[in-house]
Amino acid sequence: MGEARAGEGTVDVVFDGHVIAANQGVSLLQAWIAAGLPLTENAGCMGQGVCGACRVLVRRPGERLAGTALACETKAEAGMQVSFVDHFPARRPHRYALESLTDSWSIAEQIDTVFPEAKHCRHCSGCDRACPKGIPVQRMVNLAAEGQVFAAAELFDACVMCNLCVAACPEHIDPAHLGQFTRRMHAALTLRPADLMQRLRQIEAGEQRIDPEAPGTYPPAHA
């Protein structure tokens, strides 16, 4: 297949070694397909698979390092160097039953049982840099490890399971799957506030000292 060169209204993009003449304003995914190149990554928006499958590395002119992106939402720019990134599955299966995720008293234990690696986060921020959606992945992992599942699930709401954070994590925490777990747990749990459960657990463990005579315990009565 011949390589197309840029003409009027197009820009040259080097995509997996192919020089593609992409129409201005189109996404990288659209440019790839318009060039007649085979789509092998089962992109969900093309009706083939799941969202997040079009993960790419992108380096723009003048940049020393490549960054991560999704080909469906990144516009083609002149001089871009782009490469599809293979799927990185979780290192091990994470087995749990959704119907069992109903007891908010045991949030921390349930998370630690399924994702014991979460508490070993190195705080290297590799997952944050890898995420093409700008999700604070490391913060989500730390919140989940603390048992703050609702806050963790809210942070991970925009995840499309591209698994780039899975590839970036040196501790094999599999953050994307942990985030998915917190979202599922959030939906399955009762309406007891997670921050209240965490505080009660701290009290039971003696980590939250209660002083019944602390200033402000007995506010003045209003006349």
N, C-alpha and C. Protein backbone atom coordinates (compact mmCIF):
# COMPACT_ATOMS: atom_id res chain seq x y z
N MET A 1 0.84 -1.18 0.00
CA MET A 1 0.00 0.00 0.00
C MET A 1 0.89 1.24 0.00
N GLY A 2 0.63 2.17 -0.90
CA GLY A 2 1.43 3.38 -0.98
C GLY A 2 1.13 4.31 0.18
N GLU A 3 2.10 5.14 0.52
CA GLU A 3 1.92 6.07 1.62
C GLU A 3 1.46 7.41 1.08
N ALA A 4 0.41 7.97 1.69
CA ALA A 4 -0.17 9.22 1.22
C ALA A 4 0.58 10.40 1.81
N ARG A 5 0.89 11.37 0.97
CA ARG A 5 1.56 12.59 1.42
C ARG A 5 0.55 13.73 1.52
N ALA A 6 0.86 14.66 2.40
CA ALA A 6 -0.06 15.76 2.66
C ALA A 6 -0.25 16.63 1.43
N GLY A 7 -1.47 17.05 1.23
CA GLY A 7 -1.81 17.99 0.18
C GLY A 7 -2.53 19.16 0.81
N GLU A 8 -3.28 19.90 0.01
CA GLU A 8 -4.01 21.04 0.54
C GLU A 8 -5.09 20.56 1.51
N GLY A 9 -5.12 21.14 2.69
CA GLY A 9 -6.11 20.76 3.68
C GLY A 9 -5.79 19.50 4.45
N THR A 10 -4.57 19.00 4.29
CA THR A 10 -4.18 17.77 5.01
C THR A 10 -2.87 18.01 5.75
N VAL A 11 -2.58 17.10 6.69
CA VAL A 11 -1.33 17.17 7.44
C VAL A 11 -0.70 15.78 7.43
N ASP A 12 0.63 15.73 7.43
CA ASP A 12 1.35 14.46 7.48
C ASP A 12 1.46 13.99 8.93
N VAL A 13 1.09 12.73 9.15
CA VAL A 13 1.23 12.09 10.44
C VAL A 13 1.92 10.75 10.23
N VAL A 14 2.95 10.47 11.03
CA VAL A 14 3.61 9.17 10.97
C VAL A 14 2.94 8.26 11.99
N PHE A 15 2.25 7.25 11.49
CA PHE A 15 1.42 6.40 12.33
C PHE A 15 1.86 4.96 12.17
N ASP A 16 2.50 4.40 13.22
CA ASP A 16 3.02 3.02 13.17
C ASP A 16 3.88 2.80 11.93
N GLY A 17 4.73 3.81 11.62
CA GLY A 17 5.64 3.69 10.49
C GLY A 17 5.06 4.09 9.15
N HIS A 18 3.76 4.34 9.08
CA HIS A 18 3.11 4.76 7.85
C HIS A 18 2.96 6.28 7.85
N VAL A 19 3.34 6.92 6.75
CA VAL A 19 3.11 8.35 6.60
C VAL A 19 1.70 8.53 6.05
N ILE A 20 0.83 9.15 6.85
CA ILE A 20 -0.57 9.30 6.49
C ILE A 20 -0.87 10.77 6.24
N ALA A 21 -1.56 11.05 5.15
CA ALA A 21 -2.06 12.40 4.90
C ALA A 21 -3.44 12.49 5.51
N ALA A 22 -3.55 13.12 6.67
CA ALA A 22 -4.82 13.20 7.39
C ALA A 22 -5.50 14.53 7.12
N ASN A 23 -6.79 14.49 6.93
CA ASN A 23 -7.54 15.72 6.77
C ASN A 23 -7.50 16.51 8.07
N GLN A 24 -7.36 17.81 7.95
CA GLN A 24 -7.30 18.65 9.15
C GLN A 24 -8.60 18.55 9.93
N GLY A 25 -8.46 18.42 11.24
CA GLY A 25 -9.63 18.38 12.11
C GLY A 25 -10.13 16.99 12.44
N VAL A 26 -9.59 15.96 11.76
CA VAL A 26 -10.06 14.61 12.05
C VAL A 26 -9.27 14.03 13.21
N SER A 27 -9.83 13.00 13.85
CA SER A 27 -9.13 12.33 14.93
C SER A 27 -8.09 11.38 14.35
N LEU A 28 -7.18 10.95 15.19
CA LEU A 28 -6.17 9.99 14.74
C LEU A 28 -6.81 8.69 14.30
N LEU A 29 -7.86 8.29 14.98
CA LEU A 29 -8.54 7.06 14.61
C LEU A 29 -9.19 7.20 13.23
N GLN A 30 -9.82 8.33 12.98
CA GLN A 30 -10.42 8.58 11.67
C GLN A 30 -9.36 8.63 10.58
N ALA A 31 -8.21 9.23 10.89
CA ALA A 31 -7.14 9.31 9.90
C ALA A 31 -6.62 7.92 9.54
N TRP A 32 -6.47 7.06 10.53
CA TRP A 32 -5.99 5.70 10.31
C TRP A 32 -6.94 4.94 9.39
N ILE A 33 -8.22 5.02 9.70
CA ILE A 33 -9.22 4.29 8.92
C ILE A 33 -9.32 4.85 7.50
N ALA A 34 -9.28 6.19 7.37
CA ALA A 34 -9.37 6.81 6.05
C ALA A 34 -8.20 6.44 5.16
N ALA A 35 -7.06 6.11 5.78
CA ALA A 35 -5.88 5.71 5.00
C ALA A 35 -5.99 4.27 4.50
N GLY A 36 -7.05 3.57 4.88
CA GLY A 36 -7.25 2.20 4.42
C GLY A 36 -6.43 1.18 5.18
N LEU A 37 -5.92 1.57 6.36
CA LEU A 37 -5.11 0.64 7.16
C LEU A 37 -6.01 -0.20 8.06
N PRO A 38 -5.66 -1.45 8.31
CA PRO A 38 -6.53 -2.33 9.09
C PRO A 38 -6.58 -1.94 10.56
N LEU A 39 -7.78 -1.91 11.10
CA LEU A 39 -7.97 -1.62 12.51
C LEU A 39 -7.98 -2.94 13.26
N THR A 40 -7.00 -3.13 14.13
CA THR A 40 -6.84 -4.42 14.79
C THR A 40 -7.09 -4.37 16.28
N GLU A 41 -7.45 -3.19 16.81
CA GLU A 41 -7.53 -3.02 18.25
C GLU A 41 -8.95 -3.07 18.81
N ASN A 42 -9.93 -3.52 18.03
CA ASN A 42 -11.29 -3.71 18.55
C ASN A 42 -11.83 -2.47 19.25
N ALA A 43 -11.77 -1.33 18.58
CA ALA A 43 -12.22 -0.07 19.17
C ALA A 43 -13.73 -0.09 19.38
N GLY A 44 -14.15 0.27 20.59
CA GLY A 44 -15.56 0.19 20.92
C GLY A 44 -16.43 1.11 20.10
N CYS A 45 -15.96 2.34 19.82
CA CYS A 45 -16.80 3.27 19.07
C CYS A 45 -16.96 2.86 17.61
N MET A 46 -16.18 1.88 17.16
CA MET A 46 -16.33 1.36 15.80
C MET A 46 -17.20 0.10 15.80
N GLY A 47 -17.80 -0.21 16.94
CA GLY A 47 -18.69 -1.35 17.01
C GLY A 47 -17.98 -2.69 17.06
N GLN A 48 -16.68 -2.68 17.41
CA GLN A 48 -15.90 -3.91 17.38
C GLN A 48 -15.60 -4.48 18.76
N GLY A 49 -15.56 -3.63 19.77
CA GLY A 49 -15.11 -4.13 21.06
C GLY A 49 -15.48 -3.22 22.20
N VAL A 50 -14.47 -2.66 22.87
CA VAL A 50 -14.72 -1.85 24.06
C VAL A 50 -14.04 -0.50 23.96
N CYS A 51 -14.58 0.46 24.68
CA CYS A 51 -13.97 1.78 24.75
C CYS A 51 -12.60 1.66 25.40
N GLY A 52 -11.66 2.50 24.98
CA GLY A 52 -10.31 2.47 25.54
C GLY A 52 -9.34 1.64 24.75
N ALA A 53 -9.82 0.95 23.70
CA ALA A 53 -8.94 0.07 22.94
C ALA A 53 -8.04 0.83 21.97
N CYS A 54 -8.34 2.10 21.72
CA CYS A 54 -7.55 2.85 20.73
C CYS A 54 -6.44 3.65 21.41
N ARG A 55 -5.83 3.08 22.45
CA ARG A 55 -4.75 3.78 23.17
C ARG A 55 -3.53 3.93 22.27
N VAL A 56 -2.90 5.08 22.32
CA VAL A 56 -1.74 5.36 21.48
C VAL A 56 -0.69 6.14 22.26
N LEU A 57 0.54 6.06 21.77
CA LEU A 57 1.60 6.96 22.20
C LEU A 57 1.74 8.04 21.16
N VAL A 58 1.86 9.28 21.60
CA VAL A 58 1.93 10.42 20.68
C VAL A 58 3.12 11.29 21.04
N ARG A 59 3.90 11.64 20.02
CA ARG A 59 4.97 12.62 20.22
C ARG A 59 4.82 13.71 19.17
N ARG A 60 4.73 14.93 19.63
CA ARG A 60 4.58 16.08 18.74
C ARG A 60 5.95 16.68 18.44
N PRO A 61 6.07 17.43 17.36
CA PRO A 61 7.35 18.06 17.03
C PRO A 61 7.85 18.93 18.18
N GLY A 62 9.13 18.77 18.50
CA GLY A 62 9.73 19.55 19.58
C GLY A 62 9.64 18.90 20.93
N GLU A 63 8.85 17.83 21.06
CA GLU A 63 8.74 17.13 22.33
C GLU A 63 9.77 16.02 22.41
N ARG A 64 10.39 15.86 23.57
CA ARG A 64 11.40 14.82 23.75
C ARG A 64 10.77 13.47 24.04
N LEU A 65 9.68 13.48 24.81
CA LEU A 65 9.05 12.24 25.23
C LEU A 65 7.66 12.11 24.61
N ALA A 66 7.24 10.89 24.43
CA ALA A 66 5.89 10.62 23.96
C ALA A 66 4.93 10.57 25.14
N GLY A 67 3.69 10.93 24.89
CA GLY A 67 2.65 10.86 25.91
C GLY A 67 1.54 9.93 25.47
N THR A 68 0.71 9.54 26.40
CA THR A 68 -0.40 8.65 26.08
C THR A 68 -1.62 9.45 25.63
N ALA A 69 -2.46 8.82 24.84
CA ALA A 69 -3.68 9.46 24.36
C ALA A 69 -4.62 8.39 23.85
N LEU A 70 -5.84 8.79 23.56
CA LEU A 70 -6.80 7.92 22.89
C LEU A 70 -6.97 8.43 21.47
N ALA A 71 -6.83 7.54 20.50
CA ALA A 71 -6.85 7.95 19.10
C ALA A 71 -8.20 8.52 18.68
N CYS A 72 -9.26 8.15 19.38
CA CYS A 72 -10.59 8.60 19.00
C CYS A 72 -10.83 10.07 19.35
N GLU A 73 -10.10 10.60 20.35
CA GLU A 73 -10.37 11.96 20.80
C GLU A 73 -9.17 12.90 20.62
N THR A 74 -8.14 12.43 19.94
CA THR A 74 -6.95 13.24 19.70
C THR A 74 -6.90 13.63 18.22
N LYS A 75 -6.86 14.91 17.93
CA LYS A 75 -6.85 15.37 16.55
C LYS A 75 -5.46 15.22 15.93
N ALA A 76 -5.45 14.89 14.66
CA ALA A 76 -4.19 14.76 13.92
C ALA A 76 -3.54 16.13 13.75
N GLU A 77 -2.25 16.20 14.01
CA GLU A 77 -1.49 17.43 13.86
C GLU A 77 -0.26 17.16 13.00
N ALA A 78 0.18 18.15 12.28
CA ALA A 78 1.33 18.00 11.39
C ALA A 78 2.56 17.57 12.18
N GLY A 79 3.24 16.55 11.66
CA GLY A 79 4.49 16.10 12.28
C GLY A 79 4.32 15.16 13.44
N MET A 80 3.10 14.80 13.79
CA MET A 80 2.89 13.87 14.89
C MET A 80 3.49 12.51 14.58
N GLN A 81 4.07 11.88 15.59
CA GLN A 81 4.48 10.48 15.50
C GLN A 81 3.60 9.69 16.47
N VAL A 82 2.91 8.70 15.92
CA VAL A 82 1.88 8.00 16.69
C VAL A 82 2.09 6.49 16.57
N SER A 83 1.79 5.79 17.65
CA SER A 83 1.89 4.34 17.62
C SER A 83 0.82 3.74 18.52
N PHE A 84 0.11 2.74 18.00
CA PHE A 84 -0.85 2.02 18.83
C PHE A 84 -0.10 1.29 19.96
N VAL A 85 -0.75 1.17 21.10
CA VAL A 85 -0.19 0.48 22.25
C VAL A 85 -0.96 -0.81 22.47
N ASP A 86 -0.24 -1.92 22.63
CA ASP A 86 -0.89 -3.20 22.86
C ASP A 86 -1.66 -3.20 24.17
N HIS A 87 -2.62 -4.10 24.27
CA HIS A 87 -3.40 -4.25 25.50
C HIS A 87 -2.55 -4.92 26.58
N PHE A 88 -2.64 -4.39 27.79
CA PHE A 88 -1.93 -4.97 28.92
C PHE A 88 -2.96 -5.53 29.90
N PRO A 89 -3.15 -6.84 29.90
CA PRO A 89 -4.14 -7.41 30.83
C PRO A 89 -3.63 -7.37 32.26
N ALA A 90 -4.54 -7.52 33.20
CA ALA A 90 -4.15 -7.59 34.60
C ALA A 90 -3.22 -8.78 34.81
N ARG A 91 -2.29 -8.62 35.76
CA ARG A 91 -1.31 -9.67 36.01
C ARG A 91 -1.96 -10.94 36.55
N ARG A 92 -3.03 -10.78 37.29
CA ARG A 92 -3.74 -11.94 37.81
C ARG A 92 -5.23 -11.64 37.83
N PRO A 93 -6.08 -12.65 37.85
CA PRO A 93 -7.52 -12.40 37.93
C PRO A 93 -7.92 -11.90 39.31
N HIS A 94 -8.90 -11.03 39.37
CA HIS A 94 -9.41 -10.52 40.64
C HIS A 94 -10.83 -11.04 40.78
N ARG A 95 -10.98 -12.03 41.61
CA ARG A 95 -12.26 -12.74 41.72
C ARG A 95 -13.09 -12.19 42.89
N TYR A 96 -14.32 -11.86 42.59
CA TYR A 96 -15.26 -11.42 43.63
C TYR A 96 -16.67 -11.60 43.09
N ALA A 97 -17.62 -11.69 43.98
CA ALA A 97 -19.03 -11.84 43.61
C ALA A 97 -19.74 -10.52 43.86
N LEU A 98 -20.35 -9.95 42.84
CA LEU A 98 -21.00 -8.66 42.98
C LEU A 98 -22.09 -8.69 44.04
N GLU A 99 -22.81 -9.81 44.15
CA GLU A 99 -23.89 -9.87 45.12
C GLU A 99 -23.40 -9.85 46.55
N SER A 100 -22.10 -10.06 46.75
CA SER A 100 -21.55 -10.04 48.11
C SER A 100 -21.09 -8.65 48.53
N LEU A 101 -21.07 -7.72 47.60
CA LEU A 101 -20.56 -6.37 47.90
C LEU A 101 -21.68 -5.51 48.47
N THR A 102 -22.22 -5.90 49.59
CA THR A 102 -23.36 -5.19 50.15
C THR A 102 -23.16 -4.74 51.59
N ASP A 103 -22.05 -5.08 52.20
CA ASP A 103 -21.83 -4.74 53.60
C ASP A 103 -20.77 -3.65 53.73
N SER A 104 -21.22 -2.43 53.98
CA SER A 104 -20.27 -1.32 54.05
C SER A 104 -19.39 -1.36 55.29
N TRP A 105 -19.73 -2.20 56.29
CA TRP A 105 -18.90 -2.31 57.47
C TRP A 105 -17.55 -2.95 57.15
N SER A 106 -17.51 -3.73 56.09
CA SER A 106 -16.27 -4.46 55.78
C SER A 106 -15.62 -3.98 54.48
N ILE A 107 -15.81 -2.71 54.16
CA ILE A 107 -15.25 -2.16 52.92
C ILE A 107 -13.75 -2.40 52.83
N ALA A 108 -13.02 -1.98 53.85
CA ALA A 108 -11.56 -2.06 53.79
C ALA A 108 -11.10 -3.51 53.64
N GLU A 109 -11.73 -4.42 54.36
CA GLU A 109 -11.34 -5.82 54.27
C GLU A 109 -11.62 -6.40 52.89
N GLN A 110 -12.78 -6.03 52.32
CA GLN A 110 -13.12 -6.54 51.00
C GLN A 110 -12.13 -6.06 49.94
N ILE A 111 -11.76 -4.79 50.02
CA ILE A 111 -10.80 -4.26 49.05
C ILE A 111 -9.44 -4.92 49.24
N ASP A 112 -9.02 -5.07 50.50
CA ASP A 112 -7.71 -5.67 50.76
C ASP A 112 -7.68 -7.14 50.36
N THR A 113 -8.80 -7.82 50.45
CA THR A 113 -8.86 -9.23 50.06
C THR A 113 -8.70 -9.39 48.56
N VAL A 114 -9.36 -8.54 47.80
CA VAL A 114 -9.34 -8.66 46.33
C VAL A 114 -8.12 -7.97 45.74
N PHE A 115 -7.71 -6.84 46.32
CA PHE A 115 -6.58 -6.06 45.79
C PHE A 115 -5.56 -5.79 46.91
N PRO A 116 -4.89 -6.82 47.44
CA PRO A 116 -3.94 -6.60 48.53
C PRO A 116 -2.75 -5.74 48.11
N GLU A 117 -2.48 -5.67 46.81
CA GLU A 117 -1.35 -4.87 46.33
C GLU A 117 -1.58 -3.37 46.51
N ALA A 118 -2.83 -2.95 46.63
CA ALA A 118 -3.14 -1.52 46.65
C ALA A 118 -2.41 -0.79 47.77
N LYS A 119 -2.22 -1.44 48.91
CA LYS A 119 -1.56 -0.77 50.04
C LYS A 119 -0.06 -0.65 49.84
N HIS A 120 0.48 -1.21 48.75
CA HIS A 120 1.91 -1.15 48.50
C HIS A 120 2.26 -0.09 47.45
N CYS A 121 1.34 0.82 47.18
CA CYS A 121 1.60 1.89 46.20
C CYS A 121 2.90 2.62 46.53
N ARG A 122 3.76 2.82 45.52
CA ARG A 122 5.05 3.50 45.72
C ARG A 122 4.93 5.02 45.60
N HIS A 123 3.78 5.52 45.21
CA HIS A 123 3.57 6.96 45.00
C HIS A 123 4.53 7.49 43.93
N CYS A 124 4.73 6.69 42.90
CA CYS A 124 5.63 7.11 41.82
C CYS A 124 4.94 7.97 40.77
N SER A 125 3.60 8.00 40.80
CA SER A 125 2.78 8.79 39.87
C SER A 125 2.86 8.29 38.43
N GLY A 126 3.41 7.09 38.23
CA GLY A 126 3.45 6.54 36.88
C GLY A 126 2.07 6.33 36.30
N CYS A 127 1.13 5.92 37.13
CA CYS A 127 -0.24 5.71 36.66
C CYS A 127 -0.89 7.03 36.25
N ASP A 128 -0.60 8.10 37.00
CA ASP A 128 -1.15 9.41 36.66
C ASP A 128 -0.64 9.88 35.30
N ARG A 129 0.65 9.69 35.07
CA ARG A 129 1.24 10.13 33.80
C ARG A 129 0.74 9.28 32.64
N ALA A 130 0.40 8.03 32.91
CA ALA A 130 -0.03 7.13 31.83
C ALA A 130 -1.49 7.34 31.43
N CYS A 131 -2.29 7.92 32.32
CA CYS A 131 -3.73 8.02 32.06
C CYS A 131 -4.05 9.07 31.01
N PRO A 132 -4.67 8.69 29.88
CA PRO A 132 -5.00 9.67 28.84
C PRO A 132 -6.22 10.52 29.18
N LYS A 133 -6.92 10.17 30.25
CA LYS A 133 -8.11 10.93 30.64
C LYS A 133 -7.82 11.92 31.76
N GLY A 134 -6.57 11.96 32.24
CA GLY A 134 -6.21 12.89 33.29
C GLY A 134 -6.77 12.54 34.65
N ILE A 135 -7.09 11.28 34.88
CA ILE A 135 -7.62 10.85 36.16
C ILE A 135 -6.49 10.80 37.19
N PRO A 136 -6.71 11.29 38.41
CA PRO A 136 -5.71 11.15 39.48
C PRO A 136 -5.70 9.71 39.99
N VAL A 137 -5.11 8.82 39.21
CA VAL A 137 -5.19 7.38 39.49
C VAL A 137 -4.56 7.03 40.83
N GLN A 138 -3.40 7.62 41.11
CA GLN A 138 -2.71 7.31 42.36
C GLN A 138 -3.57 7.69 43.56
N ARG A 139 -4.23 8.82 43.48
CA ARG A 139 -5.13 9.25 44.56
C ARG A 139 -6.26 8.24 44.74
N MET A 140 -6.81 7.76 43.62
CA MET A 140 -7.87 6.76 43.69
C MET A 140 -7.39 5.49 44.38
N VAL A 141 -6.19 5.03 44.02
CA VAL A 141 -5.63 3.82 44.62
C VAL A 141 -5.47 4.01 46.13
N ASN A 142 -4.94 5.16 46.53
CA ASN A 142 -4.72 5.42 47.95
C ASN A 142 -6.03 5.50 48.72
N LEU A 143 -7.04 6.14 48.13
CA LEU A 143 -8.34 6.22 48.77
C LEU A 143 -8.96 4.83 48.92
N ALA A 144 -8.84 4.02 47.87
CA ALA A 144 -9.40 2.67 47.93
C ALA A 144 -8.71 1.85 49.00
N ALA A 145 -7.39 1.97 49.10
CA ALA A 145 -6.64 1.22 50.11
C ALA A 145 -7.03 1.63 51.52
N GLU A 146 -7.50 2.88 51.68
CA GLU A 146 -7.95 3.37 52.99
C GLU A 146 -9.39 2.98 53.28
N GLY A 147 -10.08 2.41 52.29
CA GLY A 147 -11.47 2.05 52.47
C GLY A 147 -12.45 3.14 52.09
N GLN A 148 -11.96 4.24 51.51
CA GLN A 148 -12.84 5.33 51.11
C GLN A 148 -13.36 5.07 49.69
N VAL A 149 -14.22 4.06 49.60
CA VAL A 149 -14.62 3.55 48.30
C VAL A 149 -15.46 4.55 47.51
N PHE A 150 -16.30 5.32 48.18
CA PHE A 150 -17.14 6.26 47.44
C PHE A 150 -16.29 7.34 46.78
N ALA A 151 -15.34 7.89 47.52
CA ALA A 151 -14.45 8.91 46.96
C ALA A 151 -13.61 8.34 45.84
N ALA A 152 -13.13 7.10 46.00
CA ALA A 152 -12.33 6.46 44.96
C ALA A 152 -13.16 6.23 43.71
N ALA A 153 -14.38 5.76 43.89
CA ALA A 153 -15.24 5.49 42.74
C ALA A 153 -15.56 6.77 41.98
N GLU A 154 -15.77 7.87 42.70
CA GLU A 154 -16.08 9.14 42.04
C GLU A 154 -14.91 9.62 41.20
N LEU A 155 -13.69 9.47 41.71
CA LEU A 155 -12.52 9.88 40.95
C LEU A 155 -12.37 9.05 39.68
N PHE A 156 -12.79 7.80 39.72
CA PHE A 156 -12.56 6.89 38.60
C PHE A 156 -13.74 6.82 37.64
N ASP A 157 -14.67 7.73 37.76
CA ASP A 157 -15.88 7.68 36.94
C ASP A 157 -15.59 7.82 35.45
N ALA A 158 -14.51 8.54 35.09
CA ALA A 158 -14.21 8.78 33.68
C ALA A 158 -13.34 7.70 33.05
N CYS A 159 -12.99 6.65 33.80
CA CYS A 159 -12.11 5.60 33.28
C CYS A 159 -12.77 4.84 32.14
N VAL A 160 -12.01 4.58 31.08
CA VAL A 160 -12.51 3.80 29.94
C VAL A 160 -11.79 2.46 29.82
N MET A 161 -11.06 2.08 30.88
CA MET A 161 -10.39 0.77 30.94
C MET A 161 -9.39 0.58 29.80
N CYS A 162 -8.62 1.61 29.49
CA CYS A 162 -7.58 1.46 28.47
C CYS A 162 -6.41 0.63 28.99
N ASN A 163 -6.30 0.51 30.31
CA ASN A 163 -5.29 -0.31 30.99
C ASN A 163 -3.87 0.23 30.87
N LEU A 164 -3.70 1.47 30.47
CA LEU A 164 -2.35 2.04 30.42
C LEU A 164 -1.77 2.19 31.82
N CYS A 165 -2.62 2.45 32.81
CA CYS A 165 -2.12 2.53 34.19
C CYS A 165 -1.69 1.15 34.69
N VAL A 166 -2.31 0.11 34.15
CA VAL A 166 -1.92 -1.25 34.51
C VAL A 166 -0.49 -1.51 34.04
N ALA A 167 -0.18 -1.06 32.83
CA ALA A 167 1.16 -1.25 32.29
C ALA A 167 2.19 -0.43 33.03
N ALA A 168 1.77 0.72 33.59
CA ALA A 168 2.73 1.65 34.22
C ALA A 168 3.05 1.30 35.66
N CYS A 169 2.21 0.50 36.31
CA CYS A 169 2.37 0.29 37.76
C CYS A 169 3.45 -0.74 38.09
N PRO A 170 4.51 -0.35 38.80
CA PRO A 170 5.59 -1.29 39.14
C PRO A 170 5.19 -2.30 40.21
N GLU A 171 4.11 -2.01 40.95
CA GLU A 171 3.66 -2.92 42.00
C GLU A 171 2.54 -3.85 41.52
N HIS A 172 2.21 -3.76 40.23
CA HIS A 172 1.15 -4.62 39.66
C HIS A 172 -0.15 -4.51 40.44
N ILE A 173 -0.51 -3.26 40.77
CA ILE A 173 -1.76 -3.03 41.49
C ILE A 173 -2.96 -3.20 40.56
N ASP A 174 -2.75 -3.04 39.26
CA ASP A 174 -3.84 -3.08 38.28
C ASP A 174 -4.88 -2.01 38.61
N PRO A 175 -4.47 -0.73 38.60
CA PRO A 175 -5.37 0.35 39.05
C PRO A 175 -6.70 0.41 38.33
N ALA A 176 -6.71 0.15 37.02
CA ALA A 176 -7.98 0.24 36.29
C ALA A 176 -9.00 -0.75 36.83
N HIS A 177 -8.53 -1.93 37.18
CA HIS A 177 -9.44 -2.96 37.69
C HIS A 177 -9.85 -2.66 39.13
N LEU A 178 -8.94 -2.05 39.89
CA LEU A 178 -9.30 -1.60 41.23
C LEU A 178 -10.36 -0.51 41.14
N GLY A 179 -10.19 0.42 40.20
CA GLY A 179 -11.18 1.48 40.02
C GLY A 179 -12.53 0.93 39.61
N GLN A 180 -12.52 -0.06 38.74
CA GLN A 180 -13.77 -0.69 38.33
C GLN A 180 -14.43 -1.37 39.54
N PHE A 181 -13.61 -1.99 40.37
CA PHE A 181 -14.12 -2.65 41.56
C PHE A 181 -14.79 -1.64 42.50
N THR A 182 -14.15 -0.48 42.69
CA THR A 182 -14.74 0.54 43.58
C THR A 182 -16.06 1.05 43.01
N ARG A 183 -16.15 1.20 41.71
CA ARG A 183 -17.40 1.65 41.11
C ARG A 183 -18.51 0.62 41.31
N ARG A 184 -18.16 -0.64 41.14
CA ARG A 184 -19.15 -1.69 41.34
C ARG A 184 -19.56 -1.77 42.82
N MET A 185 -18.58 -1.63 43.69
CA MET A 185 -18.88 -1.68 45.12
C MET A 185 -19.75 -0.50 45.51
N HIS A 186 -19.45 0.67 44.98
CA HIS A 186 -20.25 1.87 45.26
C HIS A 186 -21.71 1.63 44.90
N ALA A 187 -21.94 0.99 43.76
CA ALA A 187 -23.31 0.75 43.32
C ALA A 187 -24.01 -0.31 44.16
N ALA A 188 -23.22 -1.25 44.70
CA ALA A 188 -23.81 -2.37 45.44
C ALA A 188 -24.03 -2.07 46.91
N LEU A 189 -23.33 -1.06 47.43
CA LEU A 189 -23.38 -0.80 48.87
C LEU A 189 -24.68 -0.13 49.30
N THR A 190 -24.93 -0.17 50.57
CA THR A 190 -26.07 0.53 51.14
C THR A 190 -25.78 2.02 51.16
N LEU A 191 -26.71 2.77 51.73
CA LEU A 191 -26.57 4.22 51.72
C LEU A 191 -25.83 4.75 52.95
N ARG A 192 -25.20 3.87 53.72
CA ARG A 192 -24.41 4.36 54.84
C ARG A 192 -23.21 5.16 54.31
N PRO A 193 -22.96 6.37 54.79
CA PRO A 193 -21.83 7.17 54.29
C PRO A 193 -20.50 6.47 54.57
N ALA A 194 -19.65 6.40 53.56
CA ALA A 194 -18.37 5.72 53.71
C ALA A 194 -17.47 6.43 54.72
N ASP A 195 -17.55 7.78 54.78
CA ASP A 195 -16.69 8.49 55.73
C ASP A 195 -17.12 8.21 57.17
N LEU A 196 -18.43 7.99 57.38
CA LEU A 196 -18.89 7.62 58.71
C LEU A 196 -18.39 6.23 59.09
N MET A 197 -18.43 5.30 58.15
CA MET A 197 -17.95 3.95 58.43
C MET A 197 -16.46 3.97 58.78
N GLN A 198 -15.70 4.79 58.05
CA GLN A 198 -14.27 4.88 58.31
C GLN A 198 -14.01 5.45 59.70
N ARG A 199 -14.76 6.47 60.10
CA ARG A 199 -14.57 7.07 61.41
C ARG A 199 -14.94 6.08 62.52
N LEU A 200 -16.02 5.34 62.35
CA LEU A 200 -16.41 4.35 63.35
C LEU A 200 -15.36 3.26 63.49
N ARG A 201 -14.77 2.87 62.36
CA ARG A 201 -13.70 1.87 62.40
C ARG A 201 -12.49 2.41 63.16
N GLN A 202 -12.17 3.69 62.95
CA GLN A 202 -11.06 4.30 63.67
C GLN A 202 -11.32 4.34 65.17
N ILE A 203 -12.56 4.61 65.55
CA ILE A 203 -12.93 4.64 66.96
C ILE A 203 -12.78 3.25 67.57
N GLU A 204 -13.28 2.22 66.85
CA GLU A 204 -13.19 0.85 67.35
C GLU A 204 -11.75 0.40 67.50
N ALA A 205 -10.86 0.87 66.62
CA ALA A 205 -9.46 0.46 66.66
C ALA A 205 -8.64 1.32 67.62
N GLY A 206 -9.28 2.30 68.26
CA GLY A 206 -8.57 3.16 69.18
C GLY A 206 -7.74 4.23 68.50
N GLU A 207 -7.95 4.42 67.20
CA GLU A 207 -7.18 5.41 66.45
C GLU A 207 -7.80 6.80 66.54
N GLN A 208 -9.05 6.86 66.92
CA GLN A 208 -9.74 8.14 67.04
C GLN A 208 -10.14 8.32 68.51
N ARG A 209 -9.34 9.08 69.26
CA ARG A 209 -9.59 9.25 70.69
C ARG A 209 -10.81 10.13 70.92
N ILE A 210 -11.66 9.71 71.81
CA ILE A 210 -12.87 10.47 72.14
C ILE A 210 -12.69 11.08 73.52
N ASP A 211 -12.78 12.39 73.60
CA ASP A 211 -12.67 13.10 74.88
C ASP A 211 -14.01 13.74 75.19
N PRO A 212 -14.79 13.15 76.07
CA PRO A 212 -16.12 13.69 76.36
C PRO A 212 -16.08 15.07 77.01
N GLU A 213 -14.90 15.47 77.49
CA GLU A 213 -14.79 16.78 78.14
C GLU A 213 -14.07 17.80 77.26
N ALA A 214 -13.91 17.50 76.00
CA ALA A 214 -13.21 18.41 75.10
C ALA A 214 -13.97 19.71 74.96
N PRO A 215 -13.25 20.84 74.73
CA PRO A 215 -13.93 22.12 74.56
C PRO A 215 -14.96 22.03 73.45
N GLY A 216 -16.13 22.56 73.73
CA GLY A 216 -17.18 22.55 72.73
C GLY A 216 -18.12 21.37 72.84
N THR A 217 -17.80 20.43 73.74
CA THR A 217 -18.65 19.25 73.90
C THR A 217 -20.03 19.66 74.41
N TYR A 218 -20.06 20.65 75.29
CA TYR A 218 -21.32 21.09 75.87
C TYR A 218 -21.57 22.56 75.47
N PRO A 219 -22.12 22.78 74.31
CA PRO A 219 -22.36 24.17 73.86
C PRO A 219 -23.40 24.83 74.76
N PRO A 220 -23.29 26.14 74.92
CA PRO A 220 -24.23 26.84 75.80
C PRO A 220 -25.65 26.71 75.27
N ALA A 221 -26.56 26.52 76.17
CA ALA A 221 -27.98 26.40 75.79
C ALA A 221 -28.51 27.76 75.40
N HIS A 222 -29.33 27.77 74.35
CA HIS A 222 -29.92 29.03 73.91
C HIS A 222 -31.13 29.35 74.79
N ALA A 223 -31.24 30.60 75.14
CA ALA A 223 -32.36 31.01 76.00
C ALA A 223 -33.68 30.93 75.22
